[in-house]
Amino acid sequence: MKQYLLAVHMVEGQPTPSEEEMQTLYGQVDVVNRELQAAGAWVFGGGLLPAEAATVVRSENGRTTMTDGPFAETKEQLGGFWVLRCEDLDQALAWAAKCAEACMGPVEVRPFQDEPES
C-alpha cells in the first residue's frame, strides 16, 4: 500500500467561519476520521495553527537562522492534513473528496515517495 498526504488549504482573507460553522466542521471531520480509522486507511492527521504561528529554520554554512512566520509568503497556507495508506491514487482521491466536504475547503493529494528497496 502507498501513503498519501491529504493537505487542507486555508486562504487568507476568506471570511472567518462562525463558531457554529466551526463546530459543524469539527463534527464532520470527526466522522471522516472515524471512517478512515475503521477502514484502516488512517496513519496520522491533524489541524495546524495559523501560518503566523510558524517558524522557519534555515541552515547554511554551519549557521542556523530562524525567522518568524510562514516559509511561503502567500495567501494560501496549509491548515491541516491527513496521512493515509491507500491501495492506489483513486482510493486516495475518493477519501480526499470526503475530507474536502467535511472540512469545507480544498484538499490537495500528494503521494509519498516510494521507499528504496534494500
PDB file of N, CA and C in Angstrom:
ATOM      1  N   MET A   1       0.842  -1.180   0.000  1.00  0.00           N
ATOM      2  CA  MET A   1       0.000   0.000   0.000  1.00  0.00           C
ATOM      3  C   MET A   1       0.885   1.241   0.000  1.00  0.00           C
ATOM      4  N   LYS A   2       0.402   2.266  -0.601  1.00  0.00           N
ATOM      5  CA  LYS A   2       1.129   3.529  -0.731  1.00  0.00           C
ATOM      6  C   LYS A   2       0.567   4.538   0.274  1.00  0.00           C
ATOM      7  N   GLN A   3       1.390   5.475   0.689  1.00  0.00           N
ATOM      8  CA  GLN A   3       0.916   6.525   1.587  1.00  0.00           C
ATOM      9  C   GLN A   3       0.736   7.817   0.808  1.00  0.00           C
ATOM     10  N   TYR A   4      -0.289   8.582   1.223  1.00  0.00           N
ATOM     11  CA  TYR A   4      -0.640   9.838   0.572  1.00  0.00           C
ATOM     12  C   TYR A   4      -0.826  10.913   1.629  1.00  0.00           C
ATOM     13  N   LEU A   5      -0.399  12.121   1.287  1.00  0.00           N
ATOM     14  CA  LEU A   5      -0.655  13.296   2.111  1.00  0.00           C
ATOM     15  C   LEU A   5      -1.877  13.995   1.543  1.00  0.00           C
ATOM     16  N   LEU A   6      -2.883  14.196   2.378  1.00  0.00           N
ATOM     17  CA  LEU A   6      -4.050  14.992   2.003  1.00  0.00           C
ATOM     18  C   LEU A   6      -3.920  16.297   2.772  1.00  0.00           C
ATOM     19  N   ALA A   7      -3.613  17.374   2.060  1.00  0.00           N
ATOM     20  CA  ALA A   7      -3.330  18.669   2.681  1.00  0.00           C
ATOM     21  C   ALA A   7      -4.536  19.589   2.534  1.00  0.00           C
ATOM     22  N   VAL A   8      -4.980  20.129   3.649  1.00  0.00           N
ATOM     23  CA  VAL A   8      -6.103  21.067   3.671  1.00  0.00           C
ATOM     24  C   VAL A   8      -5.535  22.474   3.549  1.00  0.00           C
ATOM     25  N   HIS A   9      -6.029  23.227   2.584  1.00  0.00           N
ATOM     26  CA  HIS A   9      -5.528  24.576   2.359  1.00  0.00           C
ATOM     27  C   HIS A   9      -6.524  25.617   2.867  1.00  0.00           C
ATOM     28  N   MET A  10      -5.973  26.620   3.520  1.00  0.00           N
ATOM     29  CA  MET A  10      -6.755  27.743   4.015  1.00  0.00           C
ATOM     30  C   MET A  10      -6.338  28.974   3.216  1.00  0.00           C
ATOM     31  N   VAL A  11      -7.297  29.833   2.909  1.00  0.00           N
ATOM     32  CA  VAL A  11      -6.990  31.019   2.123  1.00  0.00           C
ATOM     33  C   VAL A  11      -7.141  32.251   3.006  1.00  0.00           C
ATOM     34  N   GLU A  12      -6.024  32.976   3.180  1.00  0.00           N
ATOM     35  CA  GLU A  12      -6.024  34.197   3.978  1.00  0.00           C
ATOM     36  C   GLU A  12      -6.996  35.198   3.370  1.00  0.00           C
ATOM     37  N   GLY A  13      -7.748  35.849   4.223  1.00  0.00           N
ATOM     38  CA  GLY A  13      -8.680  36.861   3.744  1.00  0.00           C
ATOM     39  C   GLY A  13     -10.094  36.336   3.536  1.00  0.00           C
ATOM     40  N   GLN A  14     -10.259  35.008   3.544  1.00  0.00           N
ATOM     41  CA  GLN A  14     -11.619  34.478   3.459  1.00  0.00           C
ATOM     42  C   GLN A  14     -12.334  34.794   4.761  1.00  0.00           C
ATOM     43  N   PRO A  15     -13.642  34.937   4.698  1.00  0.00           N
ATOM     44  CA  PRO A  15     -14.378  35.219   5.930  1.00  0.00           C
ATOM     45  C   PRO A  15     -14.138  34.130   6.978  1.00  0.00           C
ATOM     46  N   THR A  16     -13.940  34.540   8.200  1.00  0.00           N
ATOM     47  CA  THR A  16     -13.759  33.595   9.299  1.00  0.00           C
ATOM     48  C   THR A  16     -15.085  32.912   9.592  1.00  0.00           C
ATOM     49  N   PRO A  17     -15.079  31.566   9.639  1.00  0.00           N
ATOM     50  CA  PRO A  17     -16.326  30.863   9.950  1.00  0.00           C
ATOM     51  C   PRO A  17     -16.820  31.221  11.350  1.00  0.00           C
ATOM     52  N   SER A  18     -18.128  31.210  11.503  1.00  0.00           N
ATOM     53  CA  SER A  18     -18.716  31.461  12.825  1.00  0.00           C
ATOM     54  C   SER A  18     -18.394  30.283  13.739  1.00  0.00           C
ATOM     55  N   GLU A  19     -18.604  30.478  15.025  1.00  0.00           N
ATOM     56  CA  GLU A  19     -18.375  29.399  15.997  1.00  0.00           C
ATOM     57  C   GLU A  19     -19.265  28.200  15.657  1.00  0.00           C
ATOM     58  N   GLU A  20     -20.499  28.452  15.259  1.00  0.00           N
ATOM     59  CA  GLU A  20     -21.419  27.365  14.883  1.00  0.00           C
ATOM     60  C   GLU A  20     -20.890  26.605  13.660  1.00  0.00           C
ATOM     61  N   GLU A  21     -20.401  27.344  12.652  1.00  0.00           N
ATOM     62  CA  GLU A  21     -19.836  26.703  11.460  1.00  0.00           C
ATOM     63  C   GLU A  21     -18.592  25.885  11.809  1.00  0.00           C
ATOM     64  N   MET A  22     -17.759  26.398  12.716  1.00  0.00           N
ATOM     65  CA  MET A  22     -16.562  25.658  13.126  1.00  0.00           C
ATOM     66  C   MET A  22     -16.938  24.367  13.845  1.00  0.00           C
ATOM     67  N   GLN A  23     -17.948  24.426  14.709  1.00  0.00           N
ATOM     68  CA  GLN A  23     -18.373  23.220  15.411  1.00  0.00           C
ATOM     69  C   GLN A  23     -18.921  22.182  14.427  1.00  0.00           C
ATOM     70  N   THR A  24     -19.655  22.652  13.403  1.00  0.00           N
ATOM     71  CA  THR A  24     -20.153  21.750  12.357  1.00  0.00           C
ATOM     72  C   THR A  24     -18.976  21.112  11.630  1.00  0.00           C
ATOM     73  N   LEU A  25     -17.993  21.925  11.239  1.00  0.00           N
ATOM     74  CA  LEU A  25     -16.803  21.428  10.556  1.00  0.00           C
ATOM     75  C   LEU A  25     -16.093  20.379  11.414  1.00  0.00           C
ATOM     76  N   TYR A  26     -15.856  20.680  12.683  1.00  0.00           N
ATOM     77  CA  TYR A  26     -15.170  19.736  13.573  1.00  0.00           C
ATOM     78  C   TYR A  26     -15.935  18.418  13.652  1.00  0.00           C
ATOM     79  N   GLY A  27     -17.246  18.487  13.762  1.00  0.00           N
ATOM     80  CA  GLY A  27     -18.063  17.277  13.828  1.00  0.00           C
ATOM     81  C   GLY A  27     -17.962  16.463  12.549  1.00  0.00           C
ATOM     82  N   GLN A  28     -17.993  17.137  11.397  1.00  0.00           N
ATOM     83  CA  GLN A  28     -17.895  16.453  10.111  1.00  0.00           C
ATOM     84  C   GLN A  28     -16.531  15.791   9.950  1.00  0.00           C
ATOM     85  N   VAL A  29     -15.479  16.488  10.357  1.00  0.00           N
ATOM     86  CA  VAL A  29     -14.127  15.933  10.254  1.00  0.00           C
ATOM     87  C   VAL A  29     -13.980  14.740  11.193  1.00  0.00           C
ATOM     88  N   ASP A  30     -14.555  14.812  12.384  1.00  0.00           N
ATOM     89  CA  ASP A  30     -14.510  13.670  13.311  1.00  0.00           C
ATOM     90  C   ASP A  30     -15.156  12.433  12.694  1.00  0.00           C
ATOM     91  N   VAL A  31     -16.266  12.615  11.971  1.00  0.00           N
ATOM     92  CA  VAL A  31     -16.943  11.489  11.319  1.00  0.00           C
ATOM     93  C   VAL A  31     -16.018  10.867  10.269  1.00  0.00           C
ATOM     94  N   VAL A  32     -15.406  11.704   9.429  1.00  0.00           N
ATOM     95  CA  VAL A  32     -14.491  11.193   8.402  1.00  0.00           C
ATOM     96  C   VAL A  32     -13.281  10.522   9.048  1.00  0.00           C
ATOM     97  N   ASN A  33     -12.746  11.105  10.117  1.00  0.00           N
ATOM     98  CA  ASN A  33     -11.610  10.490  10.813  1.00  0.00           C
ATOM     99  C   ASN A  33     -11.966   9.091  11.305  1.00  0.00           C
ATOM    100  N   ARG A  34     -13.154   8.923  11.865  1.00  0.00           N
ATOM    101  CA  ARG A  34     -13.589   7.599  12.329  1.00  0.00           C
ATOM    102  C   ARG A  34     -13.729   6.629  11.159  1.00  0.00           C
ATOM    103  N   GLU A  35     -14.250   7.113  10.021  1.00  0.00           N
ATOM    104  CA  GLU A  35     -14.364   6.271   8.824  1.00  0.00           C
ATOM    105  C   GLU A  35     -12.983   5.831   8.341  1.00  0.00           C
ATOM    106  N   LEU A  36     -12.041   6.773   8.300  1.00  0.00           N
ATOM    107  CA  LEU A  36     -10.679   6.458   7.877  1.00  0.00           C
ATOM    108  C   LEU A  36     -10.048   5.410   8.788  1.00  0.00           C
ATOM    109  N   GLN A  37     -10.245   5.572  10.092  1.00  0.00           N
ATOM    110  CA  GLN A  37      -9.678   4.631  11.050  1.00  0.00           C
ATOM    111  C   GLN A  37     -10.324   3.256  10.908  1.00  0.00           C
ATOM    112  N   ALA A  38     -11.635   3.216  10.759  1.00  0.00           N
ATOM    113  CA  ALA A  38     -12.346   1.937  10.625  1.00  0.00           C
ATOM    114  C   ALA A  38     -11.933   1.210   9.342  1.00  0.00           C
ATOM    115  N   ALA A  39     -11.616   1.960   8.291  1.00  0.00           N
ATOM    116  CA  ALA A  39     -11.221   1.373   7.010  1.00  0.00           C
ATOM    117  C   ALA A  39      -9.748   0.958   6.989  1.00  0.00           C
ATOM    118  N   GLY A  40      -8.997   1.332   8.023  1.00  0.00           N
ATOM    119  CA  GLY A  40      -7.574   1.001   8.068  1.00  0.00           C
ATOM    120  C   GLY A  40      -6.718   1.919   7.206  1.00  0.00           C
ATOM    121  N   ALA A  41      -7.280   3.042   6.755  1.00  0.00           N
ATOM    122  CA  ALA A  41      -6.542   3.974   5.899  1.00  0.00           C
ATOM    123  C   ALA A  41      -5.793   5.029   6.709  1.00  0.00           C
ATOM    124  N   TRP A  42      -6.213   5.267   7.950  1.00  0.00           N
ATOM    125  CA  TRP A  42      -5.653   6.313   8.798  1.00  0.00           C
ATOM    126  C   TRP A  42      -4.215   5.990   9.191  1.00  0.00           C
ATOM    127  N   VAL A  43      -3.296   6.921   8.985  1.00  0.00           N
ATOM    128  CA  VAL A  43      -1.945   6.841   9.525  1.00  0.00           C
ATOM    129  C   VAL A  43      -1.785   7.939  10.573  1.00  0.00           C
ATOM    130  N   PHE A  44      -2.120   9.184  10.185  1.00  0.00           N
ATOM    131  CA  PHE A  44      -1.978  10.324  11.087  1.00  0.00           C
ATOM    132  C   PHE A  44      -2.715  11.503  10.490  1.00  0.00           C
ATOM    133  N   GLY A  45      -3.157  12.412  11.320  1.00  0.00           N
ATOM    134  CA  GLY A  45      -3.781  13.621  10.823  1.00  0.00           C
ATOM    135  C   GLY A  45      -3.851  14.669  11.907  1.00  0.00           C
ATOM    136  N   GLY A  46      -4.056  15.924  11.496  1.00  0.00           N
ATOM    137  CA  GLY A  46      -4.200  16.975  12.480  1.00  0.00           C
ATOM    138  C   GLY A  46      -4.374  18.338  11.841  1.00  0.00           C
ATOM    139  N   GLY A  47      -4.915  19.240  12.630  1.00  0.00           N
ATOM    140  CA  GLY A  47      -5.059  20.632  12.212  1.00  0.00           C
ATOM    141  C   GLY A  47      -3.867  21.440  12.689  1.00  0.00           C
ATOM    142  N   LEU A  48      -3.605  22.528  12.005  1.00  0.00           N
ATOM    143  CA  LEU A  48      -2.464  23.380  12.343  1.00  0.00           C
ATOM    144  C   LEU A  48      -2.935  24.755  12.789  1.00  0.00           C
ATOM    145  N   LEU A  49      -2.146  25.391  13.632  1.00  0.00           N
ATOM    146  CA  LEU A  49      -2.405  26.779  13.992  1.00  0.00           C
ATOM    147  C   LEU A  49      -2.170  27.646  12.750  1.00  0.00           C
ATOM    148  N   PRO A  50      -2.644  28.886  12.757  1.00  0.00           N
ATOM    149  CA  PRO A  50      -2.447  29.756  11.589  1.00  0.00           C
ATOM    150  C   PRO A  50      -0.971  29.918  11.225  1.00  0.00           C
ATOM    151  N   ALA A  51      -0.723  30.262   9.962  1.00  0.00           N
ATOM    152  CA  ALA A  51       0.640  30.371   9.427  1.00  0.00           C
ATOM    153  C   ALA A  51       1.509  31.345  10.212  1.00  0.00           C
ATOM    154  N   GLU A  52       0.910  32.367  10.809  1.00  0.00           N
ATOM    155  CA  GLU A  52       1.731  33.319  11.560  1.00  0.00           C
ATOM    156  C   GLU A  52       2.354  32.694  12.814  1.00  0.00           C
ATOM    157  N   ALA A  53       1.900  31.495  13.206  1.00  0.00           N
ATOM    158  CA  ALA A  53       2.493  30.791  14.342  1.00  0.00           C
ATOM    159  C   ALA A  53       3.733  29.991  13.934  1.00  0.00           C
ATOM    160  N   ALA A  54       4.042  29.955  12.637  1.00  0.00           N
ATOM    161  CA  ALA A  54       5.161  29.166  12.121  1.00  0.00           C
ATOM    162  C   ALA A  54       6.512  29.837  12.392  1.00  0.00           C
ATOM    163  N   THR A  55       7.540  29.025  12.409  1.00  0.00           N
ATOM    164  CA  THR A  55       8.926  29.485  12.450  1.00  0.00           C
ATOM    165  C   THR A  55       9.687  28.718  11.375  1.00  0.00           C
ATOM    166  N   VAL A  56      10.429  29.417  10.560  1.00  0.00           N
ATOM    167  CA  VAL A  56      11.233  28.785   9.517  1.00  0.00           C
ATOM    168  C   VAL A  56      12.674  28.704  10.017  1.00  0.00           C
ATOM    169  N   VAL A  57      13.239  27.495   9.969  1.00  0.00           N
ATOM    170  CA  VAL A  57      14.616  27.256  10.406  1.00  0.00           C
ATOM    171  C   VAL A  57      15.450  26.960   9.158  1.00  0.00           C
ATOM    172  N   ARG A  58      16.537  27.693   9.017  1.00  0.00           N
ATOM    173  CA  ARG A  58      17.439  27.501   7.879  1.00  0.00           C
ATOM    174  C   ARG A  58      18.846  27.205   8.408  1.00  0.00           C
ATOM    175  N   SER A  59      19.565  26.387   7.658  1.00  0.00           N
ATOM    176  CA  SER A  59      20.955  26.101   7.991  1.00  0.00           C
ATOM    177  C   SER A  59      21.784  26.300   6.736  1.00  0.00           C
ATOM    178  N   GLU A  60      22.767  27.191   6.833  1.00  0.00           N
ATOM    179  CA  GLU A  60      23.635  27.475   5.692  1.00  0.00           C
ATOM    180  C   GLU A  60      25.057  27.675   6.185  1.00  0.00           C
ATOM    181  N   ASN A  61      25.971  26.914   5.632  1.00  0.00           N
ATOM    182  CA  ASN A  61      27.385  27.004   6.006  1.00  0.00           C
ATOM    183  C   ASN A  61      27.599  26.869   7.508  1.00  0.00           C
ATOM    184  N   GLY A  62      26.871  25.945   8.125  1.00  0.00           N
ATOM    185  CA  GLY A  62      27.013  25.707   9.556  1.00  0.00           C
ATOM    186  C   GLY A  62      26.345  26.730  10.444  1.00  0.00           C
ATOM    187  N   ARG A  63      25.626  27.675   9.867  1.00  0.00           N
ATOM    188  CA  ARG A  63      24.944  28.731  10.634  1.00  0.00           C
ATOM    189  C   ARG A  63      23.438  28.523  10.543  1.00  0.00           C
ATOM    190  N   THR A  64      22.782  28.525  11.676  1.00  0.00           N
ATOM    191  CA  THR A  64      21.336  28.348  11.728  1.00  0.00           C
ATOM    192  C   THR A  64      20.670  29.685  11.989  1.00  0.00           C
ATOM    193  N   THR A  65      19.636  29.970  11.201  1.00  0.00           N
ATOM    194  CA  THR A  65      18.831  31.166  11.428  1.00  0.00           C
ATOM    195  C   THR A  65      17.375  30.757  11.557  1.00  0.00           C
ATOM    196  N   MET A  66      16.627  31.559  12.275  1.00  0.00           N
ATOM    197  CA  MET A  66      15.204  31.306  12.474  1.00  0.00           C
ATOM    198  C   MET A  66      14.428  32.580  12.168  1.00  0.00           C
ATOM    199  N   THR A  67      13.331  32.403  11.441  1.00  0.00           N
ATOM    200  CA  THR A  67      12.501  33.533  11.042  1.00  0.00           C
ATOM    201  C   THR A  67      11.062  33.257  11.443  1.00  0.00           C
ATOM    202  N   ASP A  68      10.428  34.217  12.098  1.00  0.00           N
ATOM    203  CA  ASP A  68       9.012  34.067  12.448  1.00  0.00           C
ATOM    204  C   ASP A  68       8.156  34.154  11.194  1.00  0.00           C
ATOM    205  N   GLY A  69       7.074  33.404  11.199  1.00  0.00           N
ATOM    206  CA  GLY A  69       6.135  33.466  10.090  1.00  0.00           C
ATOM    207  C   GLY A  69       6.323  32.308   9.128  1.00  0.00           C
ATOM    208  N   PRO A  70       5.438  32.196   8.171  1.00  0.00           N
ATOM    209  CA  PRO A  70       5.465  31.055   7.255  1.00  0.00           C
ATOM    210  C   PRO A  70       6.623  31.133   6.267  1.00  0.00           C
ATOM    211  N   PHE A  71       6.989  29.983   5.721  1.00  0.00           N
ATOM    212  CA  PHE A  71       8.037  29.916   4.700  1.00  0.00           C
ATOM    213  C   PHE A  71       7.582  30.612   3.432  1.00  0.00           C
ATOM    214  N   ALA A  72       6.381  30.256   2.965  1.00  0.00           N
ATOM    215  CA  ALA A  72       5.854  30.830   1.727  1.00  0.00           C
ATOM    216  C   ALA A  72       5.037  32.067   2.047  1.00  0.00           C
ATOM    217  N   GLU A  73       5.350  33.157   1.395  1.00  0.00           N
ATOM    218  CA  GLU A  73       4.582  34.386   1.588  1.00  0.00           C
ATOM    219  C   GLU A  73       3.470  34.399   0.551  1.00  0.00           C
ATOM    220  N   THR A  74       2.380  33.763   0.916  1.00  0.00           N
ATOM    221  CA  THR A  74       1.245  33.604   0.027  1.00  0.00           C
ATOM    222  C   THR A  74      -0.030  33.634   0.845  1.00  0.00           C
ATOM    223  N   LYS A  75      -1.145  33.844   0.205  1.00  0.00           N
ATOM    224  CA  LYS A  75      -2.421  33.870   0.910  1.00  0.00           C
ATOM    225  C   LYS A  75      -2.941  32.479   1.198  1.00  0.00           C
ATOM    226  N   GLU A  76      -2.455  31.476   0.468  1.00  0.00           N
ATOM    227  CA  GLU A  76      -2.880  30.097   0.691  1.00  0.00           C
ATOM    228  C   GLU A  76      -1.835  29.387   1.541  1.00  0.00           C
ATOM    229  N   GLN A  77      -2.276  28.825   2.652  1.00  0.00           N
ATOM    230  CA  GLN A  77      -1.378  28.149   3.580  1.00  0.00           C
ATOM    231  C   GLN A  77      -1.971  26.797   3.976  1.00  0.00           C
ATOM    232  N   LEU A  78      -1.116  25.925   4.444  1.00  0.00           N
ATOM    233  CA  LEU A  78      -1.540  24.623   4.942  1.00  0.00           C
ATOM    234  C   LEU A  78      -2.281  24.814   6.256  1.00  0.00           C
ATOM    235  N   GLY A  79      -3.496  24.282   6.325  1.00  0.00           N
ATOM    236  CA  GLY A  79      -4.299  24.430   7.537  1.00  0.00           C
ATOM    237  C   GLY A  79      -4.409  23.150   8.347  1.00  0.00           C
ATOM    238  N   GLY A  80      -4.150  22.022   7.713  1.00  0.00           N
ATOM    239  CA  GLY A  80      -4.218  20.723   8.371  1.00  0.00           C
ATOM    240  C   GLY A  80      -3.906  19.651   7.351  1.00  0.00           C
ATOM    241  N   PHE A  81      -3.889  18.403   7.810  1.00  0.00           N
ATOM    242  CA  PHE A  81      -3.522  17.327   6.887  1.00  0.00           C
ATOM    243  C   PHE A  81      -3.930  15.966   7.432  1.00  0.00           C
ATOM    244  N   TRP A  82      -3.960  15.023   6.530  1.00  0.00           N
ATOM    245  CA  TRP A  82      -4.082  13.612   6.858  1.00  0.00           C
ATOM    246  C   TRP A  82      -2.946  12.895   6.133  1.00  0.00           C
ATOM    247  N   VAL A  83      -2.422  11.844   6.740  1.00  0.00           N
ATOM    248  CA  VAL A  83      -1.557  10.897   6.042  1.00  0.00           C
ATOM    249  C   VAL A  83      -2.349   9.596   6.005  1.00  0.00           C
ATOM    250  N   LEU A  84      -2.581   9.096   4.784  1.00  0.00           N
ATOM    251  CA  LEU A  84      -3.394   7.896   4.598  1.00  0.00           C
ATOM    252  C   LEU A  84      -2.594   6.801   3.921  1.00  0.00           C
ATOM    253  N   ARG A  85      -3.023   5.564   4.174  1.00  0.00           N
ATOM    254  CA  ARG A  85      -2.489   4.398   3.496  1.00  0.00           C
ATOM    255  C   ARG A  85      -3.602   3.905   2.579  1.00  0.00           C
ATOM    256  N   CYS A  86      -3.352   3.922   1.258  1.00  0.00           N
ATOM    257  CA  CYS A  86      -4.381   3.574   0.280  1.00  0.00           C
ATOM    258  C   CYS A  86      -3.838   2.589  -0.741  1.00  0.00           C
ATOM    259  N   GLU A  87      -4.751   1.846  -1.351  1.00  0.00           N
ATOM    260  CA  GLU A  87      -4.383   0.897  -2.400  1.00  0.00           C
ATOM    261  C   GLU A  87      -3.776   1.613  -3.602  1.00  0.00           C
ATOM    262  N   ASP A  88      -4.358   2.785  -3.954  1.00  0.00           N
ATOM    263  CA  ASP A  88      -3.916   3.493  -5.157  1.00  0.00           C
ATOM    264  C   ASP A  88      -4.403   4.939  -5.096  1.00  0.00           C
ATOM    265  N   LEU A  89      -4.041   5.703  -6.120  1.00  0.00           N
ATOM    266  CA  LEU A  89      -4.415   7.118  -6.171  1.00  0.00           C
ATOM    267  C   LEU A  89      -5.935   7.292  -6.201  1.00  0.00           C
ATOM    268  N   ASP A  90      -6.638   6.435  -6.911  1.00  0.00           N
ATOM    269  CA  ASP A  90      -8.098   6.558  -6.970  1.00  0.00           C
ATOM    270  C   ASP A  90      -8.724   6.469  -5.587  1.00  0.00           C
ATOM    271  N   GLN A  91      -8.240   5.546  -4.774  1.00  0.00           N
ATOM    272  CA  GLN A  91      -8.768   5.426  -3.410  1.00  0.00           C
ATOM    273  C   GLN A  91      -8.428   6.673  -2.593  1.00  0.00           C
ATOM    274  N   ALA A  92      -7.214   7.204  -2.748  1.00  0.00           N
ATOM    275  CA  ALA A  92      -6.818   8.429  -2.039  1.00  0.00           C
ATOM    276  C   ALA A  92      -7.694   9.601  -2.465  1.00  0.00           C
ATOM    277  N   LEU A  93      -7.997   9.691  -3.760  1.00  0.00           N
ATOM    278  CA  LEU A  93      -8.850  10.776  -4.254  1.00  0.00           C
ATOM    279  C   LEU A  93     -10.275  10.656  -3.729  1.00  0.00           C
ATOM    280  N   ALA A  94     -10.771   9.433  -3.600  1.00  0.00           N
ATOM    281  CA  ALA A  94     -12.113   9.229  -3.043  1.00  0.00           C
ATOM    282  C   ALA A  94     -12.165   9.700  -1.591  1.00  0.00           C
ATOM    283  N   TRP A  95     -11.115   9.369  -0.819  1.00  0.00           N
ATOM    284  CA  TRP A  95     -11.062   9.861   0.563  1.00  0.00           C
ATOM    285  C   TRP A  95     -10.941  11.381   0.588  1.00  0.00           C
ATOM    286  N   ALA A  96     -10.144  11.942  -0.322  1.00  0.00           N
ATOM    287  CA  ALA A  96      -9.963  13.395  -0.366  1.00  0.00           C
ATOM    288  C   ALA A  96     -11.279  14.102  -0.633  1.00  0.00           C
ATOM    289  N   ALA A  97     -12.137  13.521  -1.455  1.00  0.00           N
ATOM    290  CA  ALA A  97     -13.448  14.126  -1.720  1.00  0.00           C
ATOM    291  C   ALA A  97     -14.263  14.196  -0.430  1.00  0.00           C
ATOM    292  N   LYS A  98     -14.231  13.128   0.366  1.00  0.00           N
ATOM    293  CA  LYS A  98     -14.947  13.137   1.653  1.00  0.00           C
ATOM    294  C   LYS A  98     -14.329  14.154   2.608  1.00  0.00           C
ATOM    295  N   CYS A  99     -13.004  14.227   2.618  1.00  0.00           N
ATOM    296  CA  CYS A  99     -12.303  15.160   3.504  1.00  0.00           C
ATOM    297  C   CYS A  99     -12.600  16.604   3.118  1.00  0.00           C
ATOM    298  N   ALA A 100     -12.596  16.898   1.812  1.00  0.00           N
ATOM    299  CA  ALA A 100     -12.863  18.265   1.357  1.00  0.00           C
ATOM    300  C   ALA A 100     -14.273  18.696   1.739  1.00  0.00           C
ATOM    301  N   GLU A 101     -15.219  17.778   1.616  1.00  0.00           N
ATOM    302  CA  GLU A 101     -16.597  18.112   2.002  1.00  0.00           C
ATOM    303  C   GLU A 101     -16.681  18.343   3.506  1.00  0.00           C
ATOM    304  N   ALA A 102     -16.024  17.478   4.282  1.00  0.00           N
ATOM    305  CA  ALA A 102     -16.075  17.585   5.741  1.00  0.00           C
ATOM    306  C   ALA A 102     -15.441  18.869   6.243  1.00  0.00           C
ATOM    307  N   CYS A 103     -14.288  19.238   5.688  1.00  0.00           N
ATOM    308  CA  CYS A 103     -13.587  20.418   6.210  1.00  0.00           C
ATOM    309  C   CYS A 103     -13.945  21.687   5.446  1.00  0.00           C
ATOM    310  N   MET A 104     -14.831  21.565   4.482  1.00  0.00           N
ATOM    311  CA  MET A 104     -15.358  22.713   3.735  1.00  0.00           C
ATOM    312  C   MET A 104     -14.250  23.543   3.090  1.00  0.00           C
ATOM    313  N   GLY A 105     -13.259  22.849   2.514  1.00  0.00           N
ATOM    314  CA  GLY A 105     -12.164  23.547   1.861  1.00  0.00           C
ATOM    315  C   GLY A 105     -11.417  22.624   0.923  1.00  0.00           C
ATOM    316  N   PRO A 106     -10.530  23.186   0.121  1.00  0.00           N
ATOM    317  CA  PRO A 106      -9.777  22.371  -0.832  1.00  0.00           C
ATOM    318  C   PRO A 106      -8.790  21.437  -0.137  1.00  0.00           C
ATOM    319  N   VAL A 107      -8.633  20.247  -0.723  1.00  0.00           N
ATOM    320  CA  VAL A 107      -7.693  19.249  -0.208  1.00  0.00           C
ATOM    321  C   VAL A 107      -6.791  18.804  -1.357  1.00  0.00           C
ATOM    322  N   GLU A 108      -5.504  18.965  -1.184  1.00  0.00           N
ATOM    323  CA  GLU A 108      -4.513  18.537  -2.176  1.00  0.00           C
ATOM    324  C   GLU A 108      -4.040  17.129  -1.827  1.00  0.00           C
ATOM    325  N   VAL A 109      -3.918  16.268  -2.836  1.00  0.00           N
ATOM    326  CA  VAL A 109      -3.462  14.894  -2.628  1.00  0.00           C
ATOM    327  C   VAL A 109      -2.073  14.741  -3.236  1.00  0.00           C
ATOM    328  N   ARG A 110      -1.124  14.268  -2.412  1.00  0.00           N
ATOM    329  CA  ARG A 110       0.233  14.038  -2.907  1.00  0.00           C
ATOM    330  C   ARG A 110       0.746  12.707  -2.403  1.00  0.00           C
ATOM    331  N   PRO A 111       1.220  11.863  -3.318  1.00  0.00           N
ATOM    332  CA  PRO A 111       1.792  10.591  -2.887  1.00  0.00           C
ATOM    333  C   PRO A 111       3.171  10.795  -2.267  1.00  0.00           C
ATOM    334  N   PHE A 112       3.483   9.954  -1.293  1.00  0.00           N
ATOM    335  CA  PHE A 112       4.827   9.928  -0.742  1.00  0.00           C
ATOM    336  C   PHE A 112       5.733   9.203  -1.727  1.00  0.00           C
ATOM    337  N   GLN A 113       7.017   9.509  -1.683  1.00  0.00           N
ATOM    338  CA  GLN A 113       7.986   8.773  -2.493  1.00  0.00           C
ATOM    339  C   GLN A 113       8.023   7.333  -2.014  1.00  0.00           C
ATOM    340  N   ASP A 114       8.240   6.403  -2.947  1.00  0.00           N
ATOM    341  CA  ASP A 114       8.373   5.009  -2.571  1.00  0.00           C
ATOM    342  C   ASP A 114       9.673   4.819  -1.792  1.00  0.00           C
ATOM    343  N   GLU A 115       9.624   3.898  -0.830  1.00  0.00           N
ATOM    344  CA  GLU A 115      10.829   3.560  -0.083  1.00  0.00           C
ATOM    345  C   GLU A 115      11.786   2.832  -1.015  1.00  0.00           C
ATOM    346  N   PRO A 116      13.061   3.163  -0.984  1.00  0.00           N
ATOM    347  CA  PRO A 116      14.016   2.410  -1.806  1.00  0.00           C
ATOM    348  C   PRO A 116      14.100   0.972  -1.324  1.00  0.00           C
ATOM    349  N   GLU A 117      14.190   0.052  -2.285  1.00  0.00           N
ATOM    350  CA  GLU A 117      14.327  -1.362  -1.914  1.00  0.00           C
ATOM    351  C   GLU A 117      15.750  -1.620  -1.454  1.00  0.00           C
ATOM    352  N   SER A 118      15.872  -2.398  -0.361  1.00  0.00           N
ATOM    353  CA  SER A 118      17.226  -2.680   0.145  1.00  0.00           C
ATOM    354  C   SER A 118      17.619  -4.103  -0.121  1.00  0.00           C
TER     355      SER A 118
END
